[in-house]
Amino acid sequence: MGKIWTVEEEYSIVMESIENNISIAEICRNNGVASSLFYK
């Protein structure tokens, strides 16, 4: 089973994707998240 993300961690990752001009794939790599999970 994978990591269980807190609401704060999820929020931080989503905000990073909104505020920065970085690809979703790169944000996911930097945070150890599968890109398929990002969109769930």
N, C-alpha and C. Protein backbone atom coordinates (compact mmCIF):
# COMPACT_ATOMS: atom_id res chain seq x y z
N MET A 1 0.84 -1.19 0.00
CA MET A 1 0.00 0.00 0.00
C MET A 1 0.88 1.24 0.00
N GLY A 2 0.43 2.28 -0.66
CA GLY A 2 1.22 3.50 -0.81
C GLY A 2 1.07 4.45 0.36
N LYS A 3 1.71 5.59 0.20
CA LYS A 3 1.67 6.64 1.23
C LYS A 3 0.26 7.19 1.36
N ILE A 4 -0.11 7.49 2.56
CA ILE A 4 -1.39 8.16 2.81
C ILE A 4 -1.10 9.65 2.97
N TRP A 5 -1.66 10.44 2.08
CA TRP A 5 -1.40 11.87 2.04
C TRP A 5 -2.39 12.60 2.94
N THR A 6 -1.88 13.58 3.69
CA THR A 6 -2.76 14.43 4.50
C THR A 6 -3.41 15.45 3.57
N VAL A 7 -4.48 16.06 4.03
CA VAL A 7 -5.15 17.08 3.25
C VAL A 7 -4.19 18.23 2.95
N GLU A 8 -3.37 18.58 3.91
CA GLU A 8 -2.42 19.68 3.73
C GLU A 8 -1.40 19.35 2.64
N GLU A 9 -0.92 18.10 2.62
CA GLU A 9 0.04 17.69 1.60
C GLU A 9 -0.61 17.72 0.21
N GLU A 10 -1.82 17.21 0.12
CA GLU A 10 -2.53 17.21 -1.16
C GLU A 10 -2.75 18.65 -1.64
N TYR A 11 -3.18 19.51 -0.73
CA TYR A 11 -3.42 20.92 -1.06
C TYR A 11 -2.13 21.58 -1.55
N SER A 12 -1.04 21.32 -0.88
CA SER A 12 0.25 21.91 -1.24
C SER A 12 0.67 21.49 -2.65
N ILE A 13 0.48 20.23 -2.98
CA ILE A 13 0.85 19.75 -4.31
C ILE A 13 -0.04 20.37 -5.39
N VAL A 14 -1.33 20.44 -5.13
CA VAL A 14 -2.26 21.04 -6.10
C VAL A 14 -1.94 22.52 -6.28
N MET A 15 -1.68 23.23 -5.20
CA MET A 15 -1.35 24.66 -5.30
C MET A 15 -0.04 24.87 -6.06
N GLU A 16 0.92 23.98 -5.85
CA GLU A 16 2.19 24.07 -6.58
C GLU A 16 1.93 23.96 -8.08
N SER A 17 1.00 23.11 -8.45
CA SER A 17 0.71 22.93 -9.88
C SER A 17 -0.01 24.16 -10.45
N ILE A 18 -0.77 24.85 -9.64
CA ILE A 18 -1.49 26.03 -10.10
C ILE A 18 -0.58 27.26 -10.16
N GLU A 19 0.26 27.42 -9.15
CA GLU A 19 1.06 28.63 -9.01
C GLU A 19 2.32 28.65 -9.87
N ASN A 20 2.86 27.49 -10.21
CA ASN A 20 4.13 27.44 -10.93
C ASN A 20 3.91 26.98 -12.36
N ASN A 21 4.81 27.38 -13.20
CA ASN A 21 4.75 26.98 -14.60
C ASN A 21 5.60 25.73 -14.78
N ILE A 22 5.20 24.65 -14.08
CA ILE A 22 5.92 23.37 -14.10
C ILE A 22 4.94 22.31 -14.57
N SER A 23 5.42 21.35 -15.33
CA SER A 23 4.54 20.29 -15.82
C SER A 23 4.05 19.44 -14.65
N ILE A 24 2.87 18.86 -14.83
CA ILE A 24 2.30 17.98 -13.81
C ILE A 24 3.23 16.81 -13.56
N ALA A 25 3.83 16.28 -14.62
CA ALA A 25 4.75 15.14 -14.48
C ALA A 25 5.93 15.49 -13.58
N GLU A 26 6.48 16.69 -13.74
CA GLU A 26 7.62 17.10 -12.91
C GLU A 26 7.20 17.30 -11.46
N ILE A 27 6.05 17.91 -11.23
CA ILE A 27 5.56 18.10 -9.86
C ILE A 27 5.36 16.75 -9.18
N CYS A 28 4.78 15.81 -9.92
CA CYS A 28 4.56 14.47 -9.38
C CYS A 28 5.88 13.79 -9.05
N ARG A 29 6.85 13.88 -9.94
CA ARG A 29 8.17 13.29 -9.68
C ARG A 29 8.80 13.90 -8.44
N ASN A 30 8.73 15.22 -8.31
CA ASN A 30 9.35 15.92 -7.18
C ASN A 30 8.70 15.54 -5.86
N ASN A 31 7.41 15.16 -5.90
CA ASN A 31 6.68 14.85 -4.67
C ASN A 31 6.44 13.35 -4.47
N GLY A 32 6.94 12.53 -5.37
CA GLY A 32 6.78 11.09 -5.24
C GLY A 32 5.34 10.62 -5.44
N VAL A 33 4.63 11.27 -6.35
CA VAL A 33 3.24 10.94 -6.62
C VAL A 33 3.13 10.38 -8.03
N ALA A 34 2.38 9.30 -8.20
CA ALA A 34 2.12 8.80 -9.56
C ALA A 34 1.24 9.81 -10.27
N SER A 35 1.59 10.14 -11.50
CA SER A 35 0.81 11.16 -12.21
C SER A 35 -0.64 10.74 -12.39
N SER A 36 -0.92 9.44 -12.45
CA SER A 36 -2.30 8.99 -12.57
C SER A 36 -3.11 9.33 -11.31
N LEU A 37 -2.44 9.41 -10.16
CA LEU A 37 -3.14 9.75 -8.92
C LEU A 37 -3.42 11.25 -8.80
N PHE A 38 -2.63 12.04 -9.49
CA PHE A 38 -2.77 13.50 -9.41
C PHE A 38 -4.16 13.94 -9.83
N TYR A 39 -4.72 13.27 -10.81
CA TYR A 39 -6.00 13.69 -11.37
C TYR A 39 -7.21 13.09 -10.65
N LYS A 40 -6.99 12.25 -9.64
CA LYS A 40 -8.11 11.65 -8.92
C LYS A 40 -8.65 12.58 -7.87
